[in-house]
Amino acid sequence: MTYKILPFAAQINREDTSAVVAQQMQTIIDTTVAEGWEYQRMDTVETTVAGTNGCFGMGAQPAIITSYSVLVFKRA
């Protein structure tokens, strides 16, 4: 089986509702399905962003954990 993973990060304004997020996701799904892929699910991927040492320890930044949403498709 062949899979395709696409990042998904909704772009909204303060006054937008969840309908805007849903429409953005629907657009990606519709476009990708039209290319011959079958939508499977939305997943969350966690990753660690490395910290920095700073200069002689000054301004050091700790590592942080962040997460990304991805849309998973399978070749139809």
Protein backbone atom coordinates (compact mmCIF):
# COMPACT_ATOMS: atom_id res chain seq x y z
CA MET A 1 0.00 0.00 0.00
CA THR A 2 1.08 3.54 -0.68
CA TYR A 3 0.27 6.35 1.73
CA LYS A 4 0.40 10.12 1.44
CA ILE A 5 0.73 12.36 4.50
CA LEU A 6 -0.16 16.05 4.27
CA PRO A 7 0.29 18.64 7.02
CA PHE A 8 -2.83 20.42 8.23
CA ALA A 9 -2.74 23.71 10.12
CA ALA A 10 -5.93 25.72 9.85
CA GLN A 11 -5.59 29.45 9.29
CA ILE A 12 -8.33 31.40 11.06
CA ASN A 13 -9.10 34.87 12.38
CA ARG A 14 -10.63 35.67 15.76
CA GLU A 15 -14.12 35.98 14.32
CA ASP A 16 -13.96 32.69 12.36
CA THR A 17 -15.83 29.61 13.52
CA SER A 18 -15.08 25.92 13.32
CA ALA A 19 -16.86 25.96 9.95
CA VAL A 20 -13.84 27.77 8.47
CA VAL A 21 -11.52 25.05 9.78
CA ALA A 22 -13.82 22.35 8.42
CA GLN A 23 -13.92 24.02 5.00
CA GLN A 24 -10.12 24.24 4.81
CA MET A 25 -9.84 20.57 5.71
CA GLN A 26 -12.59 19.63 3.24
CA THR A 27 -10.79 21.47 0.43
CA ILE A 28 -7.57 19.51 1.03
CA ILE A 29 -9.46 16.22 1.24
CA ASP A 30 -11.50 16.89 -1.92
CA THR A 31 -8.42 17.91 -3.92
CA THR A 32 -6.42 14.89 -2.80
CA VAL A 33 -9.29 12.45 -3.37
CA ALA A 34 -9.65 13.83 -6.92
CA GLU A 35 -5.98 12.87 -7.43
CA GLY A 36 -6.79 9.23 -6.68
CA TRP A 37 -6.17 9.05 -2.93
CA GLU A 38 -8.59 7.78 -0.27
CA TYR A 39 -8.84 9.75 2.98
CA GLN A 40 -8.01 7.60 6.03
CA ARG A 41 -7.73 9.79 9.10
CA MET A 42 -6.22 12.81 10.84
CA ASP A 43 -3.28 12.13 13.18
CA THR A 44 -1.17 14.17 15.55
CA VAL A 45 2.62 13.91 15.40
CA GLU A 46 4.67 15.10 18.37
CA THR A 47 8.26 16.21 17.98
CA THR A 48 10.94 17.86 20.08
CA VAL A 49 12.45 21.13 18.95
CA ALA A 50 16.04 21.24 20.18
CA GLY A 51 17.00 23.90 22.67
CA THR A 52 19.97 26.22 22.38
CA ASN A 53 23.01 26.67 24.62
CA GLY A 54 23.14 30.43 24.28
CA CYS A 55 26.44 32.26 24.73
CA PHE A 56 28.22 30.98 27.84
CA GLY A 57 24.81 29.79 29.07
CA MET A 58 23.20 33.23 28.74
CA GLY A 59 20.04 33.23 26.65
CA ALA A 60 19.84 29.44 26.62
CA GLN A 61 16.49 28.07 25.49
CA PRO A 62 15.16 24.69 26.65
CA ALA A 63 13.92 22.08 24.21
CA ILE A 64 10.17 22.19 23.64
CA ILE A 65 7.68 19.56 22.57
CA THR A 66 5.30 20.57 19.83
CA SER A 67 2.65 18.75 17.84
CA TYR A 68 1.48 18.86 14.24
CA SER A 69 -1.72 17.62 12.63
CA VAL A 70 -1.46 15.54 9.47
CA LEU A 71 -4.04 14.11 7.08
CA VAL A 72 -3.41 10.51 6.05
CA PHE A 73 -4.44 9.20 2.63
CA LYS A 74 -4.10 5.77 1.02
CA ARG A 75 -3.79 5.17 -2.72
CA ALA A 76 -7.32 4.31 -3.87
